[in-house]
């Protein structure tokens, strides 16, 4: 039980320690040589993956510096594709005008933290 609890705590620490990134910062990484995308409010640096993308690098170039969530989901990516994203994770997208953490915002919006 302590082992499970310890693993949960470590995951929580990593999540709370995630770099907070604004959309303005993401938009600056909008070239094939510096390619960041957003999927589900998480920011990924896929520069090194672009040439290996099964659909070709051009698909990623179209979303350089942008939110690709809708198209990522519309394509129906596999679990393997989703797992692969972890390797390229940079941080979490934040609203530059908000002082709330994502957990605080969820609590405020829904009245509960989950």
N, C-alpha and C. Protein backbone atom coordinates (compact mmCIF):
# COMPACT_ATOMS: atom_id res chain seq x y z
N UNK A 1 0.82 -1.19 0.00
CA UNK A 1 0.00 0.00 0.00
C UNK A 1 0.87 1.26 0.00
N UNK A 2 1.91 1.25 0.80
CA UNK A 2 2.82 2.41 0.84
C UNK A 2 3.47 2.61 -0.53
N UNK A 3 3.75 1.50 -1.21
CA UNK A 3 4.37 1.60 -2.53
C UNK A 3 3.41 2.28 -3.52
N UNK A 4 2.14 1.88 -3.46
CA UNK A 4 1.15 2.51 -4.33
C UNK A 4 1.00 3.99 -4.00
N UNK A 5 0.92 4.27 -2.72
CA UNK A 5 0.79 5.66 -2.29
C UNK A 5 2.01 6.47 -2.72
N UNK A 6 3.18 5.90 -2.57
CA UNK A 6 4.41 6.59 -2.98
C UNK A 6 4.43 6.89 -4.46
N UNK A 7 3.96 5.93 -5.29
CA UNK A 7 3.90 6.15 -6.73
C UNK A 7 2.95 7.27 -7.08
N UNK A 8 1.81 7.30 -6.40
CA UNK A 8 0.83 8.35 -6.62
C UNK A 8 1.43 9.71 -6.26
N UNK A 9 2.11 9.77 -5.14
CA UNK A 9 2.72 11.04 -4.71
C UNK A 9 3.76 11.52 -5.70
N UNK A 10 4.56 10.59 -6.22
CA UNK A 10 5.58 10.98 -7.19
C UNK A 10 4.94 11.52 -8.46
N UNK A 11 3.87 10.85 -8.94
CA UNK A 11 3.16 11.33 -10.12
C UNK A 11 2.58 12.72 -9.87
N UNK A 12 2.00 12.91 -8.68
CA UNK A 12 1.41 14.20 -8.34
C UNK A 12 2.47 15.29 -8.32
N UNK A 13 3.65 14.98 -7.78
CA UNK A 13 4.73 15.96 -7.74
C UNK A 13 5.15 16.36 -9.15
N UNK A 14 5.27 15.37 -10.04
CA UNK A 14 5.67 15.66 -11.41
C UNK A 14 4.62 16.53 -12.10
N UNK A 15 3.35 16.20 -11.87
CA UNK A 15 2.28 16.96 -12.51
C UNK A 15 2.25 18.40 -11.99
N UNK A 16 2.39 18.58 -10.69
CA UNK A 16 2.33 19.93 -10.14
C UNK A 16 3.60 20.72 -10.48
N UNK A 17 4.68 20.00 -10.78
CA UNK A 17 5.93 20.66 -11.12
C UNK A 17 6.04 20.92 -12.62
N UNK A 18 5.00 20.56 -13.39
CA UNK A 18 5.04 20.73 -14.83
C UNK A 18 5.20 22.21 -15.17
N UNK A 19 5.97 22.46 -16.20
CA UNK A 19 6.17 23.83 -16.66
C UNK A 19 4.84 24.38 -17.17
N UNK A 20 4.54 25.60 -16.82
CA UNK A 20 3.32 26.28 -17.27
C UNK A 20 3.67 27.12 -18.49
N UNK A 21 2.94 26.89 -19.59
CA UNK A 21 3.27 27.52 -20.86
C UNK A 21 2.04 28.23 -21.41
N UNK A 22 2.22 29.46 -21.85
CA UNK A 22 1.11 30.19 -22.45
C UNK A 22 1.02 29.87 -23.94
N UNK A 23 -0.14 30.15 -24.52
CA UNK A 23 -0.32 29.94 -25.95
C UNK A 23 0.60 30.87 -26.73
N UNK A 24 0.87 32.04 -26.20
CA UNK A 24 1.80 32.96 -26.88
C UNK A 24 3.18 32.32 -27.03
N UNK A 25 3.62 31.62 -25.99
CA UNK A 25 4.91 30.95 -26.08
C UNK A 25 4.86 29.81 -27.09
N UNK A 26 3.79 29.04 -27.08
CA UNK A 26 3.64 27.95 -28.05
C UNK A 26 3.71 28.50 -29.47
N UNK A 27 3.04 29.61 -29.72
CA UNK A 27 2.98 30.20 -31.06
C UNK A 27 4.35 30.61 -31.58
N UNK A 28 5.30 30.83 -30.71
CA UNK A 28 6.66 31.18 -31.15
C UNK A 28 7.41 29.97 -31.70
N UNK A 29 6.92 28.78 -31.44
CA UNK A 29 7.58 27.54 -31.88
C UNK A 29 6.78 26.99 -33.06
N UNK A 30 6.85 27.67 -34.18
CA UNK A 30 5.95 27.40 -35.29
C UNK A 30 6.64 27.08 -36.61
N UNK A 31 7.82 26.50 -36.53
CA UNK A 31 8.54 26.13 -37.75
C UNK A 31 8.93 24.65 -37.68
N UNK A 32 9.33 24.11 -38.81
CA UNK A 32 9.79 22.73 -38.84
C UNK A 32 11.02 22.50 -37.99
N UNK A 33 11.81 23.55 -37.78
CA UNK A 33 13.03 23.44 -36.97
C UNK A 33 12.76 23.65 -35.48
N UNK A 34 11.55 24.08 -35.15
CA UNK A 34 11.17 24.36 -33.76
C UNK A 34 9.65 24.24 -33.69
N UNK A 35 9.16 23.00 -33.49
CA UNK A 35 7.76 22.69 -33.69
C UNK A 35 7.09 22.21 -32.41
N UNK A 36 6.27 23.07 -31.83
CA UNK A 36 5.49 22.71 -30.65
C UNK A 36 4.02 22.66 -31.04
N UNK A 37 3.30 21.71 -30.46
CA UNK A 37 1.85 21.62 -30.64
C UNK A 37 1.20 21.43 -29.29
N UNK A 38 -0.10 21.69 -29.23
CA UNK A 38 -0.90 21.50 -28.02
C UNK A 38 -1.92 20.42 -28.30
N UNK A 39 -2.02 19.46 -27.38
CA UNK A 39 -3.06 18.44 -27.43
C UNK A 39 -3.61 18.30 -26.02
N UNK A 40 -4.89 18.54 -25.90
CA UNK A 40 -5.57 18.47 -24.59
C UNK A 40 -4.86 19.30 -23.52
N UNK A 41 -4.54 20.54 -23.88
CA UNK A 41 -3.91 21.51 -22.98
C UNK A 41 -2.55 21.07 -22.45
N UNK A 42 -1.93 20.15 -23.17
CA UNK A 42 -0.56 19.75 -22.86
C UNK A 42 0.29 20.13 -24.07
N UNK A 43 1.49 20.62 -23.80
CA UNK A 43 2.36 21.13 -24.86
C UNK A 43 3.44 20.10 -25.16
N UNK A 44 3.65 19.87 -26.45
CA UNK A 44 4.63 18.88 -26.90
C UNK A 44 5.58 19.52 -27.91
N UNK A 45 6.87 19.22 -27.76
CA UNK A 45 7.88 19.63 -28.73
C UNK A 45 8.11 18.43 -29.65
N UNK A 46 7.49 18.46 -30.83
CA UNK A 46 7.57 17.33 -31.75
C UNK A 46 8.55 17.57 -32.90
N UNK A 47 9.46 18.48 -32.70
CA UNK A 47 10.46 18.80 -33.73
C UNK A 47 11.18 17.55 -34.19
N UNK A 48 11.68 16.76 -33.25
CA UNK A 48 12.46 15.57 -33.61
C UNK A 48 11.61 14.42 -34.12
N UNK A 49 10.30 14.51 -33.95
CA UNK A 49 9.41 13.43 -34.39
C UNK A 49 8.82 13.69 -35.78
N UNK A 50 8.84 14.92 -36.24
CA UNK A 50 8.14 15.29 -37.47
C UNK A 50 8.49 14.38 -38.65
N UNK A 51 9.76 14.13 -38.87
CA UNK A 51 10.15 13.29 -40.01
C UNK A 51 9.70 11.84 -39.86
N UNK A 52 9.43 11.41 -38.63
CA UNK A 52 9.00 10.04 -38.39
C UNK A 52 7.48 9.88 -38.33
N UNK A 53 6.76 11.00 -38.40
CA UNK A 53 5.30 10.95 -38.30
C UNK A 53 4.75 10.12 -39.46
N UNK A 54 3.93 9.10 -39.17
CA UNK A 54 3.42 8.22 -40.24
C UNK A 54 2.66 8.96 -41.34
N UNK A 55 2.03 10.07 -41.03
CA UNK A 55 1.31 10.84 -42.04
C UNK A 55 2.18 11.85 -42.76
N UNK A 56 3.46 11.88 -42.40
CA UNK A 56 4.39 12.83 -43.00
C UNK A 56 4.54 14.07 -42.15
N UNK A 57 5.68 14.73 -42.27
CA UNK A 57 5.95 15.91 -41.44
C UNK A 57 5.02 17.08 -41.74
N UNK A 58 4.51 17.16 -42.96
CA UNK A 58 3.66 18.29 -43.34
C UNK A 58 2.42 18.40 -42.45
N UNK A 59 1.90 17.25 -42.03
CA UNK A 59 0.73 17.29 -41.15
C UNK A 59 1.06 18.00 -39.84
N UNK A 60 2.23 17.72 -39.30
CA UNK A 60 2.64 18.40 -38.07
C UNK A 60 2.97 19.86 -38.33
N UNK A 61 3.58 20.15 -39.47
CA UNK A 61 3.91 21.54 -39.80
C UNK A 61 2.64 22.41 -39.83
N UNK A 62 1.53 21.83 -40.28
CA UNK A 62 0.27 22.57 -40.34
C UNK A 62 -0.20 23.02 -38.96
N UNK A 63 0.24 22.31 -37.92
CA UNK A 63 -0.20 22.63 -36.55
C UNK A 63 0.92 23.22 -35.69
N UNK A 64 2.02 23.57 -36.32
CA UNK A 64 3.14 24.14 -35.57
C UNK A 64 2.70 25.42 -34.85
N UNK A 65 2.89 25.44 -33.53
CA UNK A 65 2.51 26.61 -32.75
C UNK A 65 1.03 26.74 -32.50
N UNK A 66 0.28 25.64 -32.70
CA UNK A 66 -1.18 25.69 -32.58
C UNK A 66 -1.71 24.55 -31.73
N UNK A 67 -3.01 24.64 -31.44
CA UNK A 67 -3.71 23.56 -30.74
C UNK A 67 -4.17 22.54 -31.78
N UNK A 68 -3.71 21.31 -31.65
CA UNK A 68 -4.04 20.25 -32.61
C UNK A 68 -5.02 19.23 -32.03
N UNK A 69 -5.64 19.55 -30.91
CA UNK A 69 -6.48 18.59 -30.20
C UNK A 69 -7.59 18.00 -31.08
N UNK A 70 -8.36 18.84 -31.73
CA UNK A 70 -9.51 18.37 -32.50
C UNK A 70 -9.06 17.43 -33.61
N UNK A 71 -8.05 17.83 -34.36
CA UNK A 71 -7.58 16.99 -35.46
C UNK A 71 -6.92 15.71 -34.96
N UNK A 72 -6.19 15.80 -33.85
CA UNK A 72 -5.58 14.61 -33.25
C UNK A 72 -6.65 13.59 -32.92
N UNK A 73 -7.74 14.04 -32.33
CA UNK A 73 -8.84 13.13 -31.97
C UNK A 73 -9.61 12.66 -33.18
N UNK A 74 -9.82 13.53 -34.17
CA UNK A 74 -10.56 13.15 -35.37
C UNK A 74 -9.88 12.04 -36.14
N UNK A 75 -8.57 12.02 -36.11
CA UNK A 75 -7.81 11.00 -36.83
C UNK A 75 -7.97 9.64 -36.17
N UNK A 76 -8.19 9.64 -34.85
CA UNK A 76 -8.33 8.37 -34.13
C UNK A 76 -6.99 7.72 -33.85
N UNK A 77 -6.08 8.46 -33.27
CA UNK A 77 -4.74 7.93 -32.97
C UNK A 77 -4.82 6.74 -32.02
N UNK A 78 -3.90 5.83 -32.18
CA UNK A 78 -3.83 4.61 -31.37
C UNK A 78 -3.31 4.91 -29.96
N UNK A 79 -3.44 3.94 -29.08
CA UNK A 79 -2.88 4.07 -27.73
C UNK A 79 -1.37 4.24 -27.81
N UNK A 80 -0.74 3.54 -28.74
CA UNK A 80 0.71 3.68 -28.92
C UNK A 80 1.07 5.13 -29.25
N UNK A 81 0.30 5.75 -30.14
CA UNK A 81 0.55 7.15 -30.50
C UNK A 81 0.41 8.06 -29.28
N UNK A 82 -0.61 7.79 -28.49
CA UNK A 82 -0.84 8.60 -27.29
C UNK A 82 0.29 8.41 -26.28
N UNK A 83 0.74 7.17 -26.13
CA UNK A 83 1.86 6.90 -25.21
C UNK A 83 3.14 7.57 -25.69
N UNK A 84 3.32 7.63 -26.99
CA UNK A 84 4.51 8.24 -27.58
C UNK A 84 4.61 9.73 -27.25
N UNK A 85 3.49 10.37 -27.08
CA UNK A 85 3.49 11.80 -26.77
C UNK A 85 4.28 12.13 -25.51
N UNK A 86 4.26 11.23 -24.54
CA UNK A 86 4.95 11.50 -23.26
C UNK A 86 6.41 11.86 -23.47
N UNK A 87 7.03 11.26 -24.47
CA UNK A 87 8.44 11.51 -24.76
C UNK A 87 8.69 12.97 -25.16
N UNK A 88 7.67 13.62 -25.70
CA UNK A 88 7.82 14.97 -26.25
C UNK A 88 7.16 16.05 -25.39
N UNK A 89 6.66 15.66 -24.24
CA UNK A 89 5.94 16.57 -23.34
C UNK A 89 6.86 17.68 -22.83
N UNK A 90 6.37 18.92 -22.92
CA UNK A 90 7.13 20.09 -22.46
C UNK A 90 6.50 20.68 -21.21
N UNK A 91 5.18 20.77 -21.18
CA UNK A 91 4.49 21.36 -20.03
C UNK A 91 3.01 21.50 -20.31
N UNK A 92 2.33 22.22 -19.41
CA UNK A 92 0.89 22.40 -19.50
C UNK A 92 0.54 23.80 -19.99
N UNK A 93 -0.44 23.86 -20.85
CA UNK A 93 -0.92 25.14 -21.35
C UNK A 93 -1.70 25.84 -20.26
N UNK A 94 -1.44 27.12 -20.08
CA UNK A 94 -2.17 27.91 -19.09
C UNK A 94 -2.72 29.17 -19.74
N UNK A 95 -3.76 29.67 -19.15
CA UNK A 95 -4.33 30.94 -19.58
C UNK A 95 -3.48 32.04 -18.95
N UNK A 96 -2.86 32.89 -19.74
CA UNK A 96 -1.96 33.90 -19.18
C UNK A 96 -2.68 34.91 -18.30
N UNK A 97 -4.00 34.98 -18.40
CA UNK A 97 -4.76 35.95 -17.62
C UNK A 97 -5.32 35.36 -16.33
N UNK A 98 -5.12 34.05 -16.14
CA UNK A 98 -5.67 33.38 -14.97
C UNK A 98 -4.61 33.22 -13.89
N UNK A 99 -5.02 33.36 -12.66
CA UNK A 99 -4.12 33.09 -11.54
C UNK A 99 -4.46 31.76 -10.91
N UNK A 100 -5.48 31.07 -11.46
CA UNK A 100 -5.90 29.78 -10.92
C UNK A 100 -5.04 28.66 -11.51
N UNK A 101 -4.75 27.67 -10.69
CA UNK A 101 -4.11 26.47 -11.21
C UNK A 101 -5.19 25.67 -11.93
N UNK A 102 -4.85 24.70 -12.79
CA UNK A 102 -5.89 23.89 -13.43
C UNK A 102 -6.81 23.21 -12.42
N UNK A 103 -6.26 22.72 -11.30
CA UNK A 103 -7.08 22.07 -10.29
C UNK A 103 -8.04 23.07 -9.64
N UNK A 104 -7.55 24.28 -9.36
CA UNK A 104 -8.41 25.31 -8.78
C UNK A 104 -9.53 25.68 -9.75
N UNK A 105 -9.20 25.79 -11.01
CA UNK A 105 -10.19 26.16 -12.02
C UNK A 105 -11.27 25.09 -12.11
N UNK A 106 -10.88 23.81 -12.07
CA UNK A 106 -11.85 22.71 -12.13
C UNK A 106 -12.77 22.76 -10.92
N UNK A 107 -12.20 23.02 -9.75
CA UNK A 107 -13.01 23.09 -8.53
C UNK A 107 -14.00 24.25 -8.64
N UNK A 108 -13.54 25.38 -9.10
CA UNK A 108 -14.40 26.56 -9.23
C UNK A 108 -15.52 26.31 -10.23
N UNK A 109 -15.19 25.68 -11.35
CA UNK A 109 -16.16 25.47 -12.41
C UNK A 109 -17.20 24.43 -12.04
N UNK A 110 -16.74 23.33 -11.43
CA UNK A 110 -17.64 22.20 -11.19
C UNK A 110 -18.01 22.02 -9.71
N UNK A 111 -17.31 22.71 -8.83
CA UNK A 111 -17.61 22.56 -7.41
C UNK A 111 -16.94 21.36 -6.79
N UNK A 112 -16.11 20.66 -7.56
CA UNK A 112 -15.36 19.53 -7.03
C UNK A 112 -14.05 19.40 -7.81
N UNK A 113 -13.03 18.78 -7.21
CA UNK A 113 -11.71 18.78 -7.85
C UNK A 113 -11.47 17.70 -8.90
N UNK A 114 -12.40 16.83 -9.18
CA UNK A 114 -12.15 15.77 -10.16
C UNK A 114 -12.96 15.91 -11.39
